[in-house]
Amino acid sequence: MNDDYIVKIGDEADKFYFIHSGYVEVLCKNSINTLIYLSKGGYFGEVGIFITGKRSVSVRAQTNCILYSI
């Protein structure tokens, strides 16, 4: 759904996401400023999985999305 959070800062990082379709917004720590927009072929969640164990950014759907996760 549009404007739904997929992950939030501080959540436990248990998945790595790949975008099959749709458009997401990656938000910085204040959850107000946008760091980057990602679309088909993009991915997120790798920092939490491989480095910190926690989510370091929030990611919010801007359109309906199909995501794959590992």
PDB file of N, CA and C in Angstrom:
ATOM      1  N   MET A   1       0.839  -1.183   0.000  1.00  0.00           N
ATOM      2  CA  MET A   1       0.000   0.000   0.000  1.00  0.00           C
ATOM      3  C   MET A   1       0.883   1.245   0.000  1.00  0.00           C
ATOM      4  N   ASN A   2       0.372   2.285  -0.537  1.00  0.00           N
ATOM      5  CA  ASN A   2       1.099   3.549  -0.581  1.00  0.00           C
ATOM      6  C   ASN A   2       1.287   4.099   0.820  1.00  0.00           C
ATOM      7  N   ASP A   3       2.445   4.640   1.071  1.00  0.00           N
ATOM      8  CA  ASP A   3       2.822   5.259   2.342  1.00  0.00           C
ATOM      9  C   ASP A   3       2.925   4.293   3.511  1.00  0.00           C
ATOM     10  N   ASP A   4       2.914   3.006   3.270  1.00  0.00           N
ATOM     11  CA  ASP A   4       3.134   2.024   4.332  1.00  0.00           C
ATOM     12  C   ASP A   4       4.634   1.858   4.569  1.00  0.00           C
ATOM     13  N   TYR A   5       5.013   1.773   5.827  1.00  0.00           N
ATOM     14  CA  TYR A   5       6.413   1.504   6.149  1.00  0.00           C
ATOM     15  C   TYR A   5       6.692   0.022   5.953  1.00  0.00           C
ATOM     16  N   ILE A   6       7.781  -0.261   5.268  1.00  0.00           N
ATOM     17  CA  ILE A   6       8.225  -1.645   5.075  1.00  0.00           C
ATOM     18  C   ILE A   6       9.150  -2.021   6.220  1.00  0.00           C
ATOM     19  N   VAL A   7      10.071  -1.123   6.546  1.00  0.00           N
ATOM     20  CA  VAL A   7      10.940  -1.275   7.725  1.00  0.00           C
ATOM     21  C   VAL A   7      11.055   0.085   8.398  1.00  0.00           C
ATOM     22  N   LYS A   8      11.338   0.060   9.694  1.00  0.00           N
ATOM     23  CA  LYS A   8      11.522   1.297  10.461  1.00  0.00           C
ATOM     24  C   LYS A   8      12.854   1.255  11.192  1.00  0.00           C
ATOM     25  N   ILE A   9      13.434   2.429  11.361  1.00  0.00           N
ATOM     26  CA  ILE A   9      14.702   2.554  12.085  1.00  0.00           C
ATOM     27  C   ILE A   9      14.593   1.872  13.444  1.00  0.00           C
ATOM     28  N   GLY A  10      15.625   1.100  13.776  1.00  0.00           N
ATOM     29  CA  GLY A  10      15.689   0.449  15.078  1.00  0.00           C
ATOM     30  C   GLY A  10      15.085  -0.940  15.113  1.00  0.00           C
ATOM     31  N   ASP A  11      14.271  -1.299  14.110  1.00  0.00           N
ATOM     32  CA  ASP A  11      13.706  -2.650  14.059  1.00  0.00           C
ATOM     33  C   ASP A  11      14.829  -3.673  13.892  1.00  0.00           C
ATOM     34  N   GLU A  12      14.587  -4.883  14.344  1.00  0.00           N
ATOM     35  CA  GLU A  12      15.531  -5.963  14.122  1.00  0.00           C
ATOM     36  C   GLU A  12      15.631  -6.236  12.628  1.00  0.00           C
ATOM     37  N   ALA A  13      16.851  -6.375  12.148  1.00  0.00           N
ATOM     38  CA  ALA A  13      17.075  -6.638  10.721  1.00  0.00           C
ATOM     39  C   ALA A  13      17.101  -8.149  10.497  1.00  0.00           C
ATOM     40  N   ASP A  14      16.035  -8.664   9.906  1.00  0.00           N
ATOM     41  CA  ASP A  14      15.967 -10.103   9.675  1.00  0.00           C
ATOM     42  C   ASP A  14      15.734 -10.463   8.211  1.00  0.00           C
ATOM     43  N   LYS A  15      15.641  -9.448   7.329  1.00  0.00           N
ATOM     44  CA  LYS A  15      15.427  -9.692   5.904  1.00  0.00           C
ATOM     45  C   LYS A  15      16.177  -8.666   5.078  1.00  0.00           C
ATOM     46  N   PHE A  16      16.502  -9.076   3.868  1.00  0.00           N
ATOM     47  CA  PHE A  16      17.139  -8.255   2.858  1.00  0.00           C
ATOM     48  C   PHE A  16      16.146  -8.207   1.704  1.00  0.00           C
ATOM     49  N   TYR A  17      15.771  -7.032   1.215  1.00  0.00           N
ATOM     50  CA  TYR A  17      14.678  -6.875   0.254  1.00  0.00           C
ATOM     51  C   TYR A  17      15.175  -6.491  -1.139  1.00  0.00           C
ATOM     52  N   PHE A  18      14.520  -7.066  -2.157  1.00  0.00           N
ATOM     53  CA  PHE A  18      14.738  -6.734  -3.564  1.00  0.00           C
ATOM     54  C   PHE A  18      13.417  -6.228  -4.131  1.00  0.00           C
ATOM     55  N   ILE A  19      13.468  -5.158  -4.896  1.00  0.00           N
ATOM     56  CA  ILE A  19      12.253  -4.572  -5.461  1.00  0.00           C
ATOM     57  C   ILE A  19      11.997  -5.164  -6.848  1.00  0.00           C
ATOM     58  N   HIS A  20      10.905  -5.892  -6.976  1.00  0.00           N
ATOM     59  CA  HIS A  20      10.497  -6.445  -8.270  1.00  0.00           C
ATOM     60  C   HIS A  20       9.691  -5.408  -9.052  1.00  0.00           C
ATOM     61  N   SER A  21       8.805  -4.717  -8.359  1.00  0.00           N
ATOM     62  CA  SER A  21       8.059  -3.624  -8.983  1.00  0.00           C
ATOM     63  C   SER A  21       7.641  -2.638  -7.899  1.00  0.00           C
ATOM     64  N   GLY A  22       7.422  -1.415  -8.320  1.00  0.00           N
ATOM     65  CA  GLY A  22       7.021  -0.380  -7.381  1.00  0.00           C
ATOM     66  C   GLY A  22       8.136   0.599  -7.106  1.00  0.00           C
ATOM     67  N   TYR A  23       7.881   1.464  -6.141  1.00  0.00           N
ATOM     68  CA  TYR A  23       8.723   2.610  -5.875  1.00  0.00           C
ATOM     69  C   TYR A  23       8.728   2.843  -4.371  1.00  0.00           C
ATOM     70  N   VAL A  24       9.921   2.905  -3.751  1.00  0.00           N
ATOM     71  CA  VAL A  24      10.023   3.123  -2.315  1.00  0.00           C
ATOM     72  C   VAL A  24      10.888   4.342  -2.024  1.00  0.00           C
ATOM     73  N   GLU A  25      10.708   4.878  -0.840  1.00  0.00           N
ATOM     74  CA  GLU A  25      11.451   6.037  -0.366  1.00  0.00           C
ATOM     75  C   GLU A  25      12.257   5.610   0.857  1.00  0.00           C
ATOM     76  N   VAL A  26      13.556   5.888   0.842  1.00  0.00           N
ATOM     77  CA  VAL A  26      14.424   5.586   1.978  1.00  0.00           C
ATOM     78  C   VAL A  26      14.592   6.882   2.770  1.00  0.00           C
ATOM     79  N   LEU A  27      14.222   6.825   4.048  1.00  0.00           N
ATOM     80  CA  LEU A  27      14.219   8.014   4.906  1.00  0.00           C
ATOM     81  C   LEU A  27      15.371   7.976   5.895  1.00  0.00           C
ATOM     82  N   CYS A  28      15.938   9.142   6.188  1.00  0.00           N
ATOM     83  CA  CYS A  28      17.027   9.222   7.155  1.00  0.00           C
ATOM     84  C   CYS A  28      16.493   9.120   8.585  1.00  0.00           C
ATOM     85  N   LYS A  29      17.370   9.269   9.537  1.00  0.00           N
ATOM     86  CA  LYS A  29      17.033   9.025  10.939  1.00  0.00           C
ATOM     87  C   LYS A  29      15.847   9.809  11.472  1.00  0.00           C
ATOM     88  N   ASN A  30      15.603  11.005  10.953  1.00  0.00           N
ATOM     89  CA  ASN A  30      14.473  11.776  11.464  1.00  0.00           C
ATOM     90  C   ASN A  30      13.149  11.362  10.811  1.00  0.00           C
ATOM     91  N   SER A  31      13.199  10.425   9.868  1.00  0.00           N
ATOM     92  CA  SER A  31      12.020   9.921   9.140  1.00  0.00           C
ATOM     93  C   SER A  31      11.250  11.021   8.417  1.00  0.00           C
ATOM     94  N   ILE A  32      11.916  12.127   8.159  1.00  0.00           N
ATOM     95  CA  ILE A  32      11.300  13.227   7.419  1.00  0.00           C
ATOM     96  C   ILE A  32      12.017  13.428   6.087  1.00  0.00           C
ATOM     97  N   ASN A  33      13.339  13.490   6.135  1.00  0.00           N
ATOM     98  CA  ASN A  33      14.123  13.752   4.932  1.00  0.00           C
ATOM     99  C   ASN A  33      14.382  12.472   4.138  1.00  0.00           C
ATOM    100  N   THR A  34      14.216  12.572   2.827  1.00  0.00           N
ATOM    101  CA  THR A  34      14.435  11.436   1.942  1.00  0.00           C
ATOM    102  C   THR A  34      15.903  11.345   1.568  1.00  0.00           C
ATOM    103  N   LEU A  35      16.477  10.141   1.718  1.00  0.00           N
ATOM    104  CA  LEU A  35      17.853   9.912   1.291  1.00  0.00           C
ATOM    105  C   LEU A  35      17.904   9.543  -0.186  1.00  0.00           C
ATOM    106  N   ILE A  36      16.983   8.666  -0.601  1.00  0.00           N
ATOM    107  CA  ILE A  36      16.985   8.165  -1.975  1.00  0.00           C
ATOM    108  C   ILE A  36      15.639   7.503  -2.267  1.00  0.00           C
ATOM    109  N   TYR A  37      15.316   7.434  -3.529  1.00  0.00           N
ATOM    110  CA  TYR A  37      14.156   6.671  -4.000  1.00  0.00           C
ATOM    111  C   TYR A  37      14.691   5.453  -4.739  1.00  0.00           C
ATOM    112  N   LEU A  38      14.050   4.322  -4.551  1.00  0.00           N
ATOM    113  CA  LEU A  38      14.451   3.089  -5.225  1.00  0.00           C
ATOM    114  C   LEU A  38      13.265   2.515  -5.980  1.00  0.00           C
ATOM    115  N   SER A  39      13.552   1.826  -7.082  1.00  0.00           N
ATOM    116  CA  SER A  39      12.502   1.185  -7.871  1.00  0.00           C
ATOM    117  C   SER A  39      13.007  -0.172  -8.355  1.00  0.00           C
ATOM    118  N   LYS A  40      12.338  -0.726  -9.352  1.00  0.00           N
ATOM    119  CA  LYS A  40      12.646  -2.068  -9.856  1.00  0.00           C
ATOM    120  C   LYS A  40      14.152  -2.277 -10.001  1.00  0.00           C
ATOM    121  N   GLY A  41      14.626  -3.383  -9.438  1.00  0.00           N
ATOM    122  CA  GLY A  41      16.042  -3.702  -9.469  1.00  0.00           C
ATOM    123  C   GLY A  41      16.802  -3.188  -8.261  1.00  0.00           C
ATOM    124  N   GLY A  42      16.180  -2.318  -7.480  1.00  0.00           N
ATOM    125  CA  GLY A  42      16.811  -1.789  -6.276  1.00  0.00           C
ATOM    126  C   GLY A  42      16.723  -2.783  -5.126  1.00  0.00           C
ATOM    127  N   TYR A  43      17.465  -2.518  -4.098  1.00  0.00           N
ATOM    128  CA  TYR A  43      17.454  -3.389  -2.917  1.00  0.00           C
ATOM    129  C   TYR A  43      17.752  -2.557  -1.679  1.00  0.00           C
ATOM    130  N   PHE A  44      17.373  -3.102  -0.535  1.00  0.00           N
ATOM    131  CA  PHE A  44      17.659  -2.444   0.743  1.00  0.00           C
ATOM    132  C   PHE A  44      17.632  -3.475   1.851  1.00  0.00           C
ATOM    133  N   GLY A  45      18.216  -3.133   2.983  1.00  0.00           N
ATOM    134  CA  GLY A  45      18.241  -4.015   4.142  1.00  0.00           C
ATOM    135  C   GLY A  45      19.572  -4.687   4.376  1.00  0.00           C
ATOM    136  N   GLU A  46      20.518  -4.498   3.461  1.00  0.00           N
ATOM    137  CA  GLU A  46      21.804  -5.186   3.574  1.00  0.00           C
ATOM    138  C   GLU A  46      22.639  -4.687   4.743  1.00  0.00           C
ATOM    139  N   VAL A  47      22.561  -3.406   5.070  1.00  0.00           N
ATOM    140  CA  VAL A  47      23.356  -2.868   6.179  1.00  0.00           C
ATOM    141  C   VAL A  47      22.941  -3.529   7.489  1.00  0.00           C
ATOM    142  N   GLY A  48      21.652  -3.607   7.726  1.00  0.00           N
ATOM    143  CA  GLY A  48      21.163  -4.233   8.948  1.00  0.00           C
ATOM    144  C   GLY A  48      21.522  -5.704   9.047  1.00  0.00           C
ATOM    145  N   ILE A  49      21.414  -6.399   7.935  1.00  0.00           N
ATOM    146  CA  ILE A  49      21.718  -7.839   7.925  1.00  0.00           C
ATOM    147  C   ILE A  49      23.199  -8.095   8.173  1.00  0.00           C
ATOM    148  N   PHE A  50      24.065  -7.388   7.454  1.00  0.00           N
ATOM    149  CA  PHE A  50      25.492  -7.706   7.465  1.00  0.00           C
ATOM    150  C   PHE A  50      26.310  -6.918   8.474  1.00  0.00           C
ATOM    151  N   ILE A  51      25.806  -5.775   8.960  1.00  0.00           N
ATOM    152  CA  ILE A  51      26.656  -4.931   9.803  1.00  0.00           C
ATOM    153  C   ILE A  51      26.069  -4.678  11.191  1.00  0.00           C
ATOM    154  N   THR A  52      24.883  -4.091  11.272  1.00  0.00           N
ATOM    155  CA  THR A  52      24.405  -3.594  12.567  1.00  0.00           C
ATOM    156  C   THR A  52      23.429  -4.504  13.300  1.00  0.00           C
ATOM    157  N   GLY A  53      22.688  -5.335  12.582  1.00  0.00           N
ATOM    158  CA  GLY A  53      21.667  -6.160  13.212  1.00  0.00           C
ATOM    159  C   GLY A  53      20.360  -5.416  13.447  1.00  0.00           C
ATOM    160  N   LYS A  54      20.371  -4.111  13.238  1.00  0.00           N
ATOM    161  CA  LYS A  54      19.186  -3.260  13.390  1.00  0.00           C
ATOM    162  C   LYS A  54      19.022  -2.421  12.130  1.00  0.00           C
ATOM    163  N   ARG A  55      17.811  -1.950  11.892  1.00  0.00           N
ATOM    164  CA  ARG A  55      17.552  -1.077  10.741  1.00  0.00           C
ATOM    165  C   ARG A  55      18.144   0.304  11.006  1.00  0.00           C
ATOM    166  N   SER A  56      18.920   0.801  10.040  1.00  0.00           N
ATOM    167  CA  SER A  56      19.551   2.111  10.187  1.00  0.00           C
ATOM    168  C   SER A  56      18.782   3.208   9.454  1.00  0.00           C
ATOM    169  N   VAL A  57      17.776   2.823   8.666  1.00  0.00           N
ATOM    170  CA  VAL A  57      16.904   3.771   7.959  1.00  0.00           C
ATOM    171  C   VAL A  57      15.485   3.212   7.970  1.00  0.00           C
ATOM    172  N   SER A  58      14.540   4.068   7.635  1.00  0.00           N
ATOM    173  CA  SER A  58      13.167   3.620   7.413  1.00  0.00           C
ATOM    174  C   SER A  58      12.928   3.586   5.915  1.00  0.00           C
ATOM    175  N   VAL A  59      12.097   2.642   5.465  1.00  0.00           N
ATOM    176  CA  VAL A  59      11.749   2.537   4.049  1.00  0.00           C
ATOM    177  C   VAL A  59      10.232   2.512   3.959  1.00  0.00           C
ATOM    178  N   ARG A  60       9.697   3.385   3.095  1.00  0.00           N
ATOM    179  CA  ARG A  60       8.254   3.538   2.967  1.00  0.00           C
ATOM    180  C   ARG A  60       7.860   3.367   1.498  1.00  0.00           C
ATOM    181  N   ALA A  61       6.808   2.577   1.250  1.00  0.00           N
ATOM    182  CA  ALA A  61       6.299   2.381  -0.105  1.00  0.00           C
ATOM    183  C   ALA A  61       5.659   3.669  -0.601  1.00  0.00           C
ATOM    184  N   GLN A  62       5.971   4.037  -1.836  1.00  0.00           N
ATOM    185  CA  GLN A  62       5.350   5.200  -2.466  1.00  0.00           C
ATOM    186  C   GLN A  62       4.267   4.767  -3.456  1.00  0.00           C
ATOM    187  N   THR A  63       4.337   3.526  -3.888  1.00  0.00           N
ATOM    188  CA  THR A  63       3.326   2.923  -4.756  1.00  0.00           C
ATOM    189  C   THR A  63       3.109   1.496  -4.257  1.00  0.00           C
ATOM    190  N   ASN A  64       2.173   0.791  -4.842  1.00  0.00           N
ATOM    191  CA  ASN A  64       2.050  -0.636  -4.554  1.00  0.00           C
ATOM    192  C   ASN A  64       3.333  -1.312  -5.032  1.00  0.00           C
ATOM    193  N   CYS A  65       3.858  -2.206  -4.213  1.00  0.00           N
ATOM    194  CA  CYS A  65       5.153  -2.832  -4.502  1.00  0.00           C
ATOM    195  C   CYS A  65       5.056  -4.353  -4.441  1.00  0.00           C
ATOM    196  N   ILE A  66       5.897  -4.988  -5.223  1.00  0.00           N
ATOM    197  CA  ILE A  66       6.161  -6.416  -5.070  1.00  0.00           C
ATOM    198  C   ILE A  66       7.616  -6.527  -4.682  1.00  0.00           C
ATOM    199  N   LEU A  67       7.862  -7.089  -3.497  1.00  0.00           N
ATOM    200  CA  LEU A  67       9.202  -7.233  -2.961  1.00  0.00           C
ATOM    201  C   LEU A  67       9.512  -8.703  -2.762  1.00  0.00           C
ATOM    202  N   TYR A  68      10.768  -9.060  -2.976  1.00  0.00           N
ATOM    203  CA  TYR A  68      11.272 -10.385  -2.609  1.00  0.00           C
ATOM    204  C   TYR A  68      12.201 -10.184  -1.441  1.00  0.00           C
ATOM    205  N   SER A  69      12.264 -11.158  -0.549  1.00  0.00           N
ATOM    206  CA  SER A  69      13.153 -11.027   0.599  1.00  0.00           C
ATOM    207  C   SER A  69      13.912 -12.325   0.852  1.00  0.00           C
ATOM    208  N   ILE A  70      15.065 -12.140   1.419  1.00  0.00           N
ATOM    209  CA  ILE A  70      15.911 -13.273   1.837  1.00  0.00           C
ATOM    210  C   ILE A  70      16.121 -13.136   3.333  1.00  0.00           C
TER     211      ILE A  70
END
